[in-house]
Amino acid sequence: MLIRVVKKGNRDMCAVSGLPANTEEWKRFDRIFEENVLELGFDEQKNEIYLVYMMTDAIESILVLEQAVMTGEFDRQYEGECSGSITTLEDGNYMLAVRQGKDNAFTVRFQAIHCEETLYDYHKIGHFWMKDYEILRHLTYQIGLIYEKAVFMGESYCNRKERALLPLYDLAPLRKYFCVYWEENESFSSTTEAVDTAIHNASVIRDKSLVHLFKKYRLFVDKDRQNSIVCGYYERKIMKALAQAKHWKFIKQLFVLIQDAAKDYEQPSFGSQKEQWIEKSRKVLQEKYPERWILEEHSFCIGEPFSYRFHVCRLQKKRGKIVLDRIEYKVDQDGMLRQI
């Protein structure tokens, strides 16, 4: 799974009855039940139970229930609706009662709740789920990580450099390359801010023909839908242009900006032994393929079995287009590196 997020909506009703406060912790707690995405984890050494709020390659955010004691069992396989209620007990502790459909219920008694979150460096992350235009899908995925973080956590979780890139999520000719099943029937439209950001970056690398194309497109972006045919015409032209080798500097410019924005965040940690496996594998691949660069794909640090893959990449030019050629490797559970 690429991402796990809880949507942030506007509403007047709470999904969980009996919420004791209107703090950010309890708001997030309520959203988990509203979106029906309850997922629990357990830290027996600390007597804590955590609820997953947001998991992406850019951020891991959980709600921690302190000094928690569960009665009953959480059914991990259950995919239906959940309902929850909170009771404040006489001793100041809380009692969460959860019903998973008709057949399962459990309670959690806990002392307090707090948020924990870690922001990660994501510029070396690579996810590849469709053939063709992989480098453009890779770019839109990384821009999407910034967008998810800004929308579901707040723009304060993004640094200044990320906020400058954020408008590009609404650049329709680029967004259409993302191609995920839950957006199959959606249509996208650009904002003027998105096009202006694209114009600025194309100007920086002096791609005059791309600047001209973006400027022509912008004339119709903020018009009525009667110009949708013309708008669609320019979107198709821009989509085609972005895949061409002669405009590679524009795509490279965006990758450089993403790297600069993300590089100061934390690196994921999987424990000392696994870190040794990863670093050893990374060095082996760097020595074996000095002319290529490496992208990495791994499990979340919280609540998932360890998995780690390397995508050893280079760019090739085919029929005037930039194509990503990659070799895939995996770190096995015993620390051995093997090609897939």
C-alpha atoms as a PDB file:
ATOM      1  CA  MET A   1       0.000   0.000   0.000  1.00  0.00           C
ATOM      2  CA  LEU A   2       1.395   3.384  -0.946  1.00  0.00           C
ATOM      3  CA  ILE A   3      -0.452   5.537   1.555  1.00  0.00           C
ATOM      4  CA  ARG A   4      -2.791   5.367   4.507  1.00  0.00           C
ATOM      5  CA  VAL A   5      -4.537   8.604   5.363  1.00  0.00           C
ATOM      6  CA  VAL A   6      -7.578   9.794   7.205  1.00  0.00           C
ATOM      7  CA  LYS A   7      -9.543  12.313   5.178  1.00  0.00           C
ATOM      8  CA  LYS A   8     -10.078  15.716   6.708  1.00  0.00           C
ATOM      9  CA  GLY A   9     -13.650  16.881   6.206  1.00  0.00           C
ATOM     10  CA  ASN A  10     -15.980  19.552   7.533  1.00  0.00           C
ATOM     11  CA  ARG A  11     -18.789  18.280   9.718  1.00  0.00           C
ATOM     12  CA  ASP A  12     -20.992  19.242  12.640  1.00  0.00           C
ATOM     13  CA  MET A  13     -21.486  15.761  14.114  1.00  0.00           C
ATOM     14  CA  CYS A  14     -18.888  13.640  15.887  1.00  0.00           C
ATOM     15  CA  ALA A  15     -18.444  10.019  14.818  1.00  0.00           C
ATOM     16  CA  VAL A  16     -17.517   8.986  18.371  1.00  0.00           C
ATOM     17  CA  SER A  17     -19.929   9.782  21.167  1.00  0.00           C
ATOM     18  CA  GLY A  18     -18.678  11.213  24.449  1.00  0.00           C
ATOM     19  CA  LEU A  19     -15.484  12.924  23.258  1.00  0.00           C
ATOM     20  CA  PRO A  20     -14.100  14.709  26.343  1.00  0.00           C
ATOM     21  CA  ALA A  21     -12.423  17.654  24.562  1.00  0.00           C
ATOM     22  CA  ASN A  22     -12.079  19.463  21.253  1.00  0.00           C
ATOM     23  CA  THR A  23      -8.289  19.191  21.084  1.00  0.00           C
ATOM     24  CA  GLU A  24      -6.379  18.091  17.989  1.00  0.00           C
ATOM     25  CA  GLU A  25      -5.814  14.616  19.481  1.00  0.00           C
ATOM     26  CA  TRP A  26      -9.524  14.011  19.964  1.00  0.00           C
ATOM     27  CA  LYS A  27     -10.380  15.511  16.566  1.00  0.00           C
ATOM     28  CA  ARG A  28      -8.045  13.028  14.890  1.00  0.00           C
ATOM     29  CA  PHE A  29      -9.445  10.246  17.050  1.00  0.00           C
ATOM     30  CA  ASP A  30     -12.931  11.111  15.801  1.00  0.00           C
ATOM     31  CA  ARG A  31     -11.843  11.273  12.146  1.00  0.00           C
ATOM     32  CA  ILE A  32     -10.529   7.726  12.313  1.00  0.00           C
ATOM     33  CA  PHE A  33     -13.997   6.475  13.179  1.00  0.00           C
ATOM     34  CA  GLU A  34     -15.704   8.874  10.776  1.00  0.00           C
ATOM     35  CA  GLU A  35     -13.707   7.499   7.849  1.00  0.00           C
ATOM     36  CA  ASN A  36     -14.020   3.937   9.182  1.00  0.00           C
ATOM     37  CA  VAL A  37     -10.273   3.266   9.031  1.00  0.00           C
ATOM     38  CA  LEU A  38      -9.637   1.933  12.530  1.00  0.00           C
ATOM     39  CA  GLU A  39      -6.243   0.220  12.705  1.00  0.00           C
ATOM     40  CA  LEU A  40      -4.659  -0.666  16.060  1.00  0.00           C
ATOM     41  CA  GLY A  41      -1.109  -1.491  17.064  1.00  0.00           C
ATOM     42  CA  PHE A  42       0.284  -2.651  20.387  1.00  0.00           C
ATOM     43  CA  ASP A  43       3.415  -1.794  22.363  1.00  0.00           C
ATOM     44  CA  GLU A  44       3.294  -4.224  25.276  1.00  0.00           C
ATOM     45  CA  GLN A  45       6.521  -2.966  26.872  1.00  0.00           C
ATOM     46  CA  LYS A  46       5.082   0.535  27.292  1.00  0.00           C
ATOM     47  CA  ASN A  47       1.491  -0.614  27.902  1.00  0.00           C
ATOM     48  CA  GLU A  48       0.404   1.503  24.946  1.00  0.00           C
ATOM     49  CA  ILE A  49      -2.043   0.994  22.119  1.00  0.00           C
ATOM     50  CA  TYR A  50      -1.762   3.178  19.053  1.00  0.00           C
ATOM     51  CA  LEU A  51      -4.240   4.136  16.343  1.00  0.00           C
ATOM     52  CA  VAL A  52      -2.862   4.824  12.874  1.00  0.00           C
ATOM     53  CA  TYR A  53      -3.833   8.305  11.709  1.00  0.00           C
ATOM     54  CA  MET A  54      -1.625   8.833   8.657  1.00  0.00           C
ATOM     55  CA  MET A  55       1.039   6.677   7.061  1.00  0.00           C
ATOM     56  CA  THR A  56       2.876   7.782   3.926  1.00  0.00           C
ATOM     57  CA  ASP A  57       6.488   7.796   2.803  1.00  0.00           C
ATOM     58  CA  ALA A  58       6.680  11.408   4.030  1.00  0.00           C
ATOM     59  CA  ILE A  59       5.053  11.099   7.456  1.00  0.00           C
ATOM     60  CA  GLU A  60       3.981   8.539  10.024  1.00  0.00           C
ATOM     61  CA  SER A  61       1.361   9.847  12.442  1.00  0.00           C
ATOM     62  CA  ILE A  62      -0.272   7.850  15.224  1.00  0.00           C
ATOM     63  CA  LEU A  63      -2.451   8.446  18.266  1.00  0.00           C
ATOM     64  CA  VAL A  64      -1.092   6.782  21.403  1.00  0.00           C
ATOM     65  CA  LEU A  65      -3.360   5.563  24.198  1.00  0.00           C
ATOM     66  CA  GLU A  66      -1.252   5.573  27.373  1.00  0.00           C
ATOM     67  CA  GLN A  67      -1.408   2.855  30.052  1.00  0.00           C
ATOM     68  CA  ALA A  68      -3.937   1.015  27.902  1.00  0.00           C
ATOM     69  CA  VAL A  69      -5.661  -2.238  28.828  1.00  0.00           C
ATOM     70  CA  MET A  70      -7.840  -4.047  26.289  1.00  0.00           C
ATOM     71  CA  THR A  71     -10.702  -6.365  27.122  1.00  0.00           C
ATOM     72  CA  GLY A  72     -11.770  -8.509  24.185  1.00  0.00           C
ATOM     73  CA  GLU A  73      -9.975  -8.651  20.840  1.00  0.00           C
ATOM     74  CA  PHE A  74      -9.548  -6.365  17.845  1.00  0.00           C
ATOM     75  CA  ASP A  75     -10.452  -8.227  14.640  1.00  0.00           C
ATOM     76  CA  ARG A  76      -7.780  -7.224  12.107  1.00  0.00           C
ATOM     77  CA  GLN A  77      -9.560  -9.008   9.271  1.00  0.00           C
ATOM     78  CA  TYR A  78     -12.822  -7.121   9.733  1.00  0.00           C
ATOM     79  CA  GLU A  79     -13.506  -4.584   6.941  1.00  0.00           C
ATOM     80  CA  GLY A  80     -17.013  -3.366   7.781  1.00  0.00           C
ATOM     81  CA  GLU A  81     -18.243  -0.421   9.800  1.00  0.00           C
ATOM     82  CA  CYS A  82     -17.035   0.322  13.328  1.00  0.00           C
ATOM     83  CA  SER A  83     -18.745   2.398  15.983  1.00  0.00           C
ATOM     84  CA  GLY A  84     -17.140   3.835  19.090  1.00  0.00           C
ATOM     85  CA  SER A  85     -17.953   5.678  22.281  1.00  0.00           C
ATOM     86  CA  ILE A  86     -15.820   7.268  25.000  1.00  0.00           C
ATOM     87  CA  THR A  87     -16.669   7.393  28.689  1.00  0.00           C
ATOM     88  CA  THR A  88     -14.721   9.483  31.189  1.00  0.00           C
ATOM     89  CA  LEU A  89     -14.373   7.425  34.360  1.00  0.00           C
ATOM     90  CA  GLU A  90     -14.462   8.714  37.941  1.00  0.00           C
ATOM     91  CA  ASP A  91     -10.697   8.267  38.358  1.00  0.00           C
ATOM     92  CA  GLY A  92     -10.031  10.443  35.280  1.00  0.00           C
ATOM     93  CA  ASN A  93      -9.213   7.535  32.974  1.00  0.00           C
ATOM     94  CA  TYR A  94     -11.102   6.873  29.769  1.00  0.00           C
ATOM     95  CA  MET A  95     -12.993   3.855  28.486  1.00  0.00           C
ATOM     96  CA  LEU A  96     -13.252   3.334  24.734  1.00  0.00           C
ATOM     97  CA  ALA A  97     -15.947   0.894  23.627  1.00  0.00           C
ATOM     98  CA  VAL A  98     -15.767  -0.321  20.020  1.00  0.00           C
ATOM     99  CA  ARG A  99     -18.181  -2.488  18.073  1.00  0.00           C
ATOM    100  CA  GLN A 100     -17.038  -4.103  14.831  1.00  0.00           C
ATOM    101  CA  GLY A 101     -20.289  -4.987  13.116  1.00  0.00           C
ATOM    102  CA  LYS A 102     -22.627  -7.371  14.935  1.00  0.00           C
ATOM    103  CA  ASP A 103     -20.174 -10.084  15.938  1.00  0.00           C
ATOM    104  CA  ASN A 104     -17.256  -8.405  17.698  1.00  0.00           C
ATOM    105  CA  ALA A 105     -16.793  -5.801  20.408  1.00  0.00           C
ATOM    106  CA  PHE A 106     -13.959  -4.778  22.714  1.00  0.00           C
ATOM    107  CA  THR A 107     -13.050  -2.058  25.193  1.00  0.00           C
ATOM    108  CA  VAL A 108      -9.842  -0.164  25.925  1.00  0.00           C
ATOM    109  CA  ARG A 109      -9.255   1.529  29.259  1.00  0.00           C
ATOM    110  CA  PHE A 110      -6.518   4.170  29.045  1.00  0.00           C
ATOM    111  CA  GLN A 111      -5.056   7.040  31.018  1.00  0.00           C
ATOM    112  CA  ALA A 112      -4.297   9.691  28.393  1.00  0.00           C
ATOM    113  CA  ILE A 113      -3.945  10.257  24.646  1.00  0.00           C
ATOM    114  CA  HIS A 114      -1.214  12.000  22.674  1.00  0.00           C
ATOM    115  CA  CYS A 115      -0.015  12.350  19.074  1.00  0.00           C
ATOM    116  CA  GLU A 116       3.285  11.041  17.774  1.00  0.00           C
ATOM    117  CA  GLU A 117       4.546  11.819  14.299  1.00  0.00           C
ATOM    118  CA  THR A 118       7.763  11.617  12.334  1.00  0.00           C
ATOM    119  CA  LEU A 119       8.516  13.447   9.091  1.00  0.00           C
ATOM    120  CA  TYR A 120      10.718  11.507   6.665  1.00  0.00           C
ATOM    121  CA  ASP A 121      12.983  12.266   3.745  1.00  0.00           C
ATOM    122  CA  TYR A 122      11.127  10.925   0.696  1.00  0.00           C
ATOM    123  CA  HIS A 123      13.156  12.117  -2.299  1.00  0.00           C
ATOM    124  CA  LYS A 124      14.854   8.725  -2.773  1.00  0.00           C
ATOM    125  CA  ILE A 125      11.579   6.783  -2.523  1.00  0.00           C
ATOM    126  CA  GLY A 126      10.459   4.992  -5.673  1.00  0.00           C
ATOM    127  CA  HIS A 127       7.106   3.321  -6.288  1.00  0.00           C
ATOM    128  CA  PHE A 128       6.422   1.797  -9.695  1.00  0.00           C
ATOM    129  CA  TRP A 129       3.031   0.243 -10.321  1.00  0.00           C
ATOM    130  CA  MET A 130       2.459   0.787 -14.067  1.00  0.00           C
ATOM    131  CA  LYS A 131       4.633   0.466 -17.134  1.00  0.00           C
ATOM    132  CA  ASP A 132       5.312   3.459 -19.392  1.00  0.00           C
ATOM    133  CA  TYR A 133       6.078   7.023 -18.291  1.00  0.00           C
ATOM    134  CA  GLU A 134       7.488   5.746 -15.010  1.00  0.00           C
ATOM    135  CA  ILE A 135       9.678   8.801 -14.440  1.00  0.00           C
ATOM    136  CA  LEU A 136       6.655  11.113 -14.695  1.00  0.00           C
ATOM    137  CA  ARG A 137       4.589   8.875 -12.412  1.00  0.00           C
ATOM    138  CA  HIS A 138       7.487   8.950  -9.958  1.00  0.00           C
ATOM    139  CA  LEU A 139       7.470  12.765 -10.037  1.00  0.00           C
ATOM    140  CA  THR A 140       3.712  13.077  -9.522  1.00  0.00           C
ATOM    141  CA  TYR A 141       3.879  10.575  -6.663  1.00  0.00           C
ATOM    142  CA  GLN A 142       6.441  12.683  -4.805  1.00  0.00           C
ATOM    143  CA  ILE A 143       4.450  15.878  -5.353  1.00  0.00           C
ATOM    144  CA  GLY A 144       1.421  13.956  -4.093  1.00  0.00           C
ATOM    145  CA  LEU A 145       3.277  13.182  -0.854  1.00  0.00           C
ATOM    146  CA  ILE A 146       3.638  16.917  -0.225  1.00  0.00           C
ATOM    147  CA  TYR A 147      -0.034  17.453  -1.016  1.00  0.00           C
ATOM    148  CA  GLU A 148      -1.216  14.678   1.336  1.00  0.00           C
ATOM    149  CA  LYS A 149       0.887  16.070   4.142  1.00  0.00           C
ATOM    150  CA  ALA A 150      -0.403  19.628   3.620  1.00  0.00           C
ATOM    151  CA  VAL A 151      -4.079  18.695   3.303  1.00  0.00           C
ATOM    152  CA  PHE A 152      -4.411  16.068   6.022  1.00  0.00           C
ATOM    153  CA  MET A 153      -1.911  17.416   8.548  1.00  0.00           C
ATOM    154  CA  GLY A 154      -1.818  21.122   7.670  1.00  0.00           C
ATOM    155  CA  GLU A 155       0.600  23.281   5.680  1.00  0.00           C
ATOM    156  CA  SER A 156       2.595  23.904   8.866  1.00  0.00           C
ATOM    157  CA  TYR A 157       3.923  20.354   8.392  1.00  0.00           C
ATOM    158  CA  CYS A 158       5.501  21.454   5.089  1.00  0.00           C
ATOM    159  CA  ASN A 159       8.617  23.591   4.871  1.00  0.00           C
ATOM    160  CA  ARG A 160       8.876  26.681   2.697  1.00  0.00           C
ATOM    161  CA  LYS A 161      10.401  24.781  -0.226  1.00  0.00           C
ATOM    162  CA  GLU A 162       7.625  22.187  -0.165  1.00  0.00           C
ATOM    163  CA  ARG A 163       4.936  24.876  -0.092  1.00  0.00           C
ATOM    164  CA  ALA A 164       6.487  26.393  -3.225  1.00  0.00           C
ATOM    165  CA  LEU A 165       6.042  23.025  -5.014  1.00  0.00           C
ATOM    166  CA  LEU A 166       2.551  22.361  -3.653  1.00  0.00           C
ATOM    167  CA  PRO A 167       0.633  24.120  -6.482  1.00  0.00           C
ATOM    168  CA  LEU A 168       2.036  21.632  -9.009  1.00  0.00           C
ATOM    169  CA  TYR A 169      -0.312  18.986  -7.619  1.00  0.00           C
ATOM    170  CA  ASP A 170      -3.081  20.873  -9.431  1.00  0.00           C
ATOM    171  CA  LEU A 171      -1.289  20.928 -12.785  1.00  0.00           C
ATOM    172  CA  ALA A 172      -3.651  18.693 -14.771  1.00  0.00           C
ATOM    173  CA  PRO A 173      -1.219  17.618 -17.549  1.00  0.00           C
ATOM    174  CA  LEU A 174       1.166  16.309 -14.884  1.00  0.00           C
ATOM    175  CA  ARG A 175      -1.474  14.973 -12.487  1.00  0.00           C
ATOM    176  CA  LYS A 176      -2.950  12.763 -15.214  1.00  0.00           C
ATOM    177  CA  TYR A 177       0.234  10.686 -15.203  1.00  0.00           C
ATOM    178  CA  PHE A 178      -0.398   9.486 -11.640  1.00  0.00           C
ATOM    179  CA  CYS A 179      -2.912   6.816 -12.702  1.00  0.00           C
ATOM    180  CA  VAL A 180      -4.270   5.100  -9.608  1.00  0.00           C
ATOM    181  CA  TYR A 181      -7.427   3.028  -9.648  1.00  0.00           C
ATOM    182  CA  TRP A 182      -9.411   5.303  -7.313  1.00  0.00           C
ATOM    183  CA  GLU A 183      -8.981   8.211  -9.771  1.00  0.00           C
ATOM    184  CA  GLU A 184      -9.824   6.307 -12.945  1.00  0.00           C
ATOM    185  CA  ASN A 185     -13.069   8.187 -13.608  1.00  0.00           C
ATOM    186  CA  GLU A 186     -11.986  11.595 -12.329  1.00  0.00           C
ATOM    187  CA  SER A 187     -11.239  14.597 -14.499  1.00  0.00           C
ATOM    188  CA  PHE A 188      -8.640  17.136 -13.439  1.00  0.00           C
ATOM    189  CA  SER A 189      -8.438  20.847 -14.057  1.00  0.00           C
ATOM    190  CA  SER A 190      -5.467  23.123 -13.462  1.00  0.00           C
ATOM    191  CA  THR A 191      -5.361  26.200 -11.267  1.00  0.00           C
ATOM    192  CA  THR A 192      -3.718  29.398 -12.458  1.00  0.00           C
ATOM    193  CA  GLU A 193      -1.281  29.129  -9.543  1.00  0.00           C
ATOM    194  CA  ALA A 194      -0.239  25.673 -10.758  1.00  0.00           C
ATOM    195  CA  VAL A 195       0.400  26.927 -14.291  1.00  0.00           C
ATOM    196  CA  ASP A 196       2.259  29.991 -12.990  1.00  0.00           C
ATOM    197  CA  THR A 197       4.507  27.695 -10.938  1.00  0.00           C
ATOM    198  CA  ALA A 198       5.184  25.594 -14.018  1.00  0.00           C
ATOM    199  CA  ILE A 199       5.952  28.716 -16.073  1.00  0.00           C
ATOM    200  CA  HIS A 200       8.387  29.921 -13.418  1.00  0.00           C
ATOM    201  CA  ASN A 201      10.304  26.623 -13.333  1.00  0.00           C
ATOM    202  CA  ALA A 202      10.390  26.322 -17.115  1.00  0.00           C
ATOM    203  CA  SER A 203      11.764  29.879 -17.247  1.00  0.00           C
ATOM    204  CA  VAL A 204      14.499  29.031 -14.724  1.00  0.00           C
ATOM    205  CA  ILE A 205      15.938  26.351 -17.032  1.00  0.00           C
ATOM    206  CA  ARG A 206      15.241  28.550 -20.117  1.00  0.00           C
ATOM    207  CA  ASP A 207      12.950  26.124 -21.917  1.00  0.00           C
ATOM    208  CA  LYS A 208      11.350  28.766 -24.140  1.00  0.00           C
ATOM    209  CA  SER A 209       9.076  26.430 -26.087  1.00  0.00           C
ATOM    210  CA  LEU A 210       7.655  24.939 -22.873  1.00  0.00           C
ATOM    211  CA  VAL A 211       7.177  28.402 -21.365  1.00  0.00           C
ATOM    212  CA  HIS A 212       5.277  29.418 -24.504  1.00  0.00           C
ATOM    213  CA  LEU A 213       3.087  26.320 -24.310  1.00  0.00           C
ATOM    214  CA  PHE A 214       2.281  26.884 -20.628  1.00  0.00           C
ATOM    215  CA  LYS A 215       1.438  30.536 -21.279  1.00  0.00           C
ATOM    216  CA  LYS A 216      -0.936  29.626 -24.102  1.00  0.00           C
ATOM    217  CA  TYR A 217      -2.559  27.046 -21.821  1.00  0.00           C
ATOM    218  CA  ARG A 218      -2.946  29.585 -19.014  1.00  0.00           C
ATOM    219  CA  LEU A 219      -5.126  31.803 -21.185  1.00  0.00           C
ATOM    220  CA  PHE A 220      -7.857  29.187 -21.003  1.00  0.00           C
ATOM    221  CA  VAL A 221      -7.365  27.744 -17.506  1.00  0.00           C
ATOM    222  CA  ASP A 222      -9.352  30.426 -15.665  1.00  0.00           C
ATOM    223  CA  LYS A 223     -12.092  30.733 -18.289  1.00  0.00           C
ATOM    224  CA  ASP A 224     -15.586  29.241 -18.322  1.00  0.00           C
ATOM    225  CA  ARG A 225     -16.118  25.595 -19.201  1.00  0.00           C
ATOM    226  CA  GLN A 226     -17.030  26.688 -22.742  1.00  0.00           C
ATOM    227  CA  ASN A 227     -13.276  26.659 -23.365  1.00  0.00           C
ATOM    228  CA  SER A 228     -12.847  23.136 -22.007  1.00  0.00           C
ATOM    229  CA  ILE A 229     -12.182  21.767 -25.492  1.00  0.00           C
ATOM    230  CA  VAL A 230      -9.340  24.233 -26.043  1.00  0.00           C
ATOM    231  CA  CYS A 231      -8.065  23.596 -22.530  1.00  0.00           C
ATOM    232  CA  GLY A 232      -8.067  19.857 -23.171  1.00  0.00           C
ATOM    233  CA  TYR A 233      -6.163  20.417 -26.416  1.00  0.00           C
ATOM    234  CA  TYR A 234      -3.329  22.195 -24.600  1.00  0.00           C
ATOM    235  CA  GLU A 235      -3.329  19.662 -21.772  1.00  0.00           C
ATOM    236  CA  ARG A 236      -2.719  16.874 -24.258  1.00  0.00           C
ATOM    237  CA  LYS A 237       0.063  18.884 -25.907  1.00  0.00           C
ATOM    238  CA  ILE A 238       1.734  19.545 -22.560  1.00  0.00           C
ATOM    239  CA  MET A 239       1.409  15.902 -21.496  1.00  0.00           C
ATOM    240  CA  LYS A 240       3.156  14.868 -24.687  1.00  0.00           C
ATOM    241  CA  ALA A 241       5.827  17.553 -24.266  1.00  0.00           C
ATOM    242  CA  LEU A 242       6.660  16.532 -20.685  1.00  0.00           C
ATOM    243  CA  ALA A 243       7.534  13.025 -21.873  1.00  0.00           C
ATOM    244  CA  GLN A 244       9.917  14.281 -24.567  1.00  0.00           C
ATOM    245  CA  ALA A 245      13.674  14.185 -24.096  1.00  0.00           C
ATOM    246  CA  LYS A 246      14.083  17.813 -25.158  1.00  0.00           C
ATOM    247  CA  HIS A 247      12.119  18.930 -22.087  1.00  0.00           C
ATOM    248  CA  TRP A 248      13.908  16.638 -19.638  1.00  0.00           C
ATOM    249  CA  LYS A 249      15.618  19.626 -17.950  1.00  0.00           C
ATOM    250  CA  PHE A 250      12.220  20.817 -16.723  1.00  0.00           C
ATOM    251  CA  ILE A 251      11.453  17.452 -15.099  1.00  0.00           C
ATOM    252  CA  LYS A 252      14.973  17.269 -13.672  1.00  0.00           C
ATOM    253  CA  GLN A 253      14.543  20.763 -12.217  1.00  0.00           C
ATOM    254  CA  LEU A 254      11.476  19.627 -10.278  1.00  0.00           C
ATOM    255  CA  PHE A 255      13.301  16.553  -8.951  1.00  0.00           C
ATOM    256  CA  VAL A 256      16.166  18.773  -7.763  1.00  0.00           C
ATOM    257  CA  LEU A 257      13.707  21.044  -5.948  1.00  0.00           C
ATOM    258  CA  ILE A 258      12.010  18.040  -4.301  1.00  0.00           C
ATOM    259  CA  GLN A 259      15.372  16.683  -3.171  1.00  0.00           C
ATOM    260  CA  ASP A 260      16.312  20.051  -1.687  1.00  0.00           C
ATOM    261  CA  ALA A 261      12.950  20.285   0.104  1.00  0.00           C
ATOM    262  CA  ALA A 262      12.993  16.767   1.567  1.00  0.00           C
ATOM    263  CA  LYS A 263      16.640  16.047   2.348  1.00  0.00           C
ATOM    264  CA  ASP A 264      16.679  17.495   5.887  1.00  0.00           C
ATOM    265  CA  TYR A 265      13.880  15.268   7.199  1.00  0.00           C
ATOM    266  CA  GLU A 266      14.617  12.067   9.115  1.00  0.00           C
ATOM    267  CA  GLN A 267      15.672   8.781   7.566  1.00  0.00           C
ATOM    268  CA  PRO A 268      13.513   5.726   8.403  1.00  0.00           C
ATOM    269  CA  SER A 269      14.874   3.400  11.067  1.00  0.00           C
ATOM    270  CA  PHE A 270      14.327  -0.372  11.169  1.00  0.00           C
ATOM    271  CA  GLY A 271      16.730  -1.318  13.954  1.00  0.00           C
ATOM    272  CA  SER A 272      20.510  -1.745  13.923  1.00  0.00           C
ATOM    273  CA  GLN A 273      20.651  -5.181  12.293  1.00  0.00           C
ATOM    274  CA  LYS A 274      18.330  -4.290   9.422  1.00  0.00           C
ATOM    275  CA  GLU A 275      20.099  -0.957   8.985  1.00  0.00           C
ATOM    276  CA  GLN A 276      23.344  -2.890   8.478  1.00  0.00           C
ATOM    277  CA  TRP A 277      21.657  -5.086   5.850  1.00  0.00           C
ATOM    278  CA  ILE A 278      20.339  -2.038   4.022  1.00  0.00           C
ATOM    279  CA  GLU A 279      23.622  -0.137   4.056  1.00  0.00           C
ATOM    280  CA  LYS A 280      25.599  -3.207   2.946  1.00  0.00           C
ATOM    281  CA  SER A 281      23.163  -3.828   0.076  1.00  0.00           C
ATOM    282  CA  ARG A 282      23.247  -0.174  -0.923  1.00  0.00           C
ATOM    283  CA  LYS A 283      27.056  -0.186  -1.153  1.00  0.00           C
ATOM    284  CA  VAL A 284      27.057  -3.420  -3.186  1.00  0.00           C
ATOM    285  CA  LEU A 285      24.676  -1.886  -5.726  1.00  0.00           C
ATOM    286  CA  GLN A 286      26.546   1.423  -5.879  1.00  0.00           C
ATOM    287  CA  GLU A 287      29.778  -0.426  -6.670  1.00  0.00           C
ATOM    288  CA  LYS A 288      28.127  -2.734  -9.195  1.00  0.00           C
ATOM    289  CA  TYR A 289      26.242   0.040 -11.022  1.00  0.00           C
ATOM    290  CA  PRO A 290      28.343   3.226 -10.710  1.00  0.00           C
ATOM    291  CA  GLU A 291      26.633   4.793 -13.740  1.00  0.00           C
ATOM    292  CA  ARG A 292      23.123   4.465 -12.271  1.00  0.00           C
ATOM    293  CA  TRP A 293      21.264   5.995  -9.354  1.00  0.00           C
ATOM    294  CA  ILE A 294      19.255   4.149  -6.722  1.00  0.00           C
ATOM    295  CA  LEU A 295      15.672   4.624  -5.553  1.00  0.00           C
ATOM    296  CA  GLU A 296      14.348   2.700  -2.568  1.00  0.00           C
ATOM    297  CA  GLU A 297      10.995   1.262  -1.511  1.00  0.00           C
ATOM    298  CA  HIS A 298      10.276  -0.028   1.964  1.00  0.00           C
ATOM    299  CA  SER A 299       7.626  -0.879   4.510  1.00  0.00           C
ATOM    300  CA  PHE A 300       6.435   1.634   7.086  1.00  0.00           C
ATOM    301  CA  CYS A 301       8.473   1.786  10.282  1.00  0.00           C
ATOM    302  CA  ILE A 302       5.342   1.165  12.382  1.00  0.00           C
ATOM    303  CA  GLY A 303       2.983  -1.790  12.206  1.00  0.00           C
ATOM    304  CA  GLU A 304       4.258  -3.603   9.097  1.00  0.00           C
ATOM    305  CA  PRO A 305       6.617  -6.535   8.486  1.00  0.00           C
ATOM    306  CA  PHE A 306      10.017  -5.398   7.235  1.00  0.00           C
ATOM    307  CA  SER A 307      10.484  -5.241   3.471  1.00  0.00           C
ATOM    308  CA  TYR A 308      13.048  -3.328   1.428  1.00  0.00           C
ATOM    309  CA  ARG A 309      13.608  -2.977  -2.296  1.00  0.00           C
ATOM    310  CA  PHE A 310      16.082  -1.114  -4.458  1.00  0.00           C
ATOM    311  CA  HIS A 311      15.375   0.243  -7.941  1.00  0.00           C
ATOM    312  CA  VAL A 312      18.685   0.729  -9.779  1.00  0.00           C
ATOM    313  CA  CYS A 313      17.877   3.307 -12.442  1.00  0.00           C
ATOM    314  CA  ARG A 314      19.134   5.054 -15.537  1.00  0.00           C
ATOM    315  CA  LEU A 315      17.468   7.127 -18.212  1.00  0.00           C
ATOM    316  CA  GLN A 316      17.338   6.120 -21.852  1.00  0.00           C
ATOM    317  CA  LYS A 317      16.194   8.008 -24.903  1.00  0.00           C
ATOM    318  CA  LYS A 318      13.787   6.105 -27.156  1.00  0.00           C
ATOM    319  CA  ARG A 319      12.026   7.707 -30.107  1.00  0.00           C
ATOM    320  CA  GLY A 320      12.544  11.153 -28.666  1.00  0.00           C
ATOM    321  CA  LYS A 321      11.140  10.223 -25.240  1.00  0.00           C
ATOM    322  CA  ILE A 322      12.813   9.726 -21.884  1.00  0.00           C
ATOM    323  CA  VAL A 323      12.402   6.167 -20.611  1.00  0.00           C
ATOM    324  CA  LEU A 324      13.350   4.883 -17.162  1.00  0.00           C
ATOM    325  CA  ASP A 325      15.353   1.658 -17.263  1.00  0.00           C
ATOM    326  CA  ARG A 326      15.544  -0.002 -13.848  1.00  0.00           C
ATOM    327  CA  ILE A 327      16.765  -3.215 -12.249  1.00  0.00           C
ATOM    328  CA  GLU A 328      14.976  -4.338  -9.086  1.00  0.00           C
ATOM    329  CA  TYR A 329      16.533  -5.928  -6.018  1.00  0.00           C
ATOM    330  CA  LYS A 330      15.094  -7.075  -2.696  1.00  0.00           C
ATOM    331  CA  VAL A 331      16.569  -7.539   0.786  1.00  0.00           C
ATOM    332  CA  ASP A 332      15.360 -10.908   2.093  1.00  0.00           C
ATOM    333  CA  GLN A 333      14.299 -11.542   5.694  1.00  0.00           C
ATOM    334  CA  ASP A 334      17.740 -13.026   6.361  1.00  0.00           C
ATOM    335  CA  GLY A 335      19.496  -9.903   5.071  1.00  0.00           C
ATOM    336  CA  MET A 336      20.523 -11.345   1.683  1.00  0.00           C
ATOM    337  CA  LEU A 337      20.276  -9.155  -1.407  1.00  0.00           C
ATOM    338  CA  ARG A 338      18.803 -10.736  -4.515  1.00  0.00           C
ATOM    339  CA  GLN A 339      17.620  -9.532  -7.904  1.00  0.00           C
ATOM    340  CA  ILE A 340      13.903  -9.792  -8.616  1.00  0.00           C
END
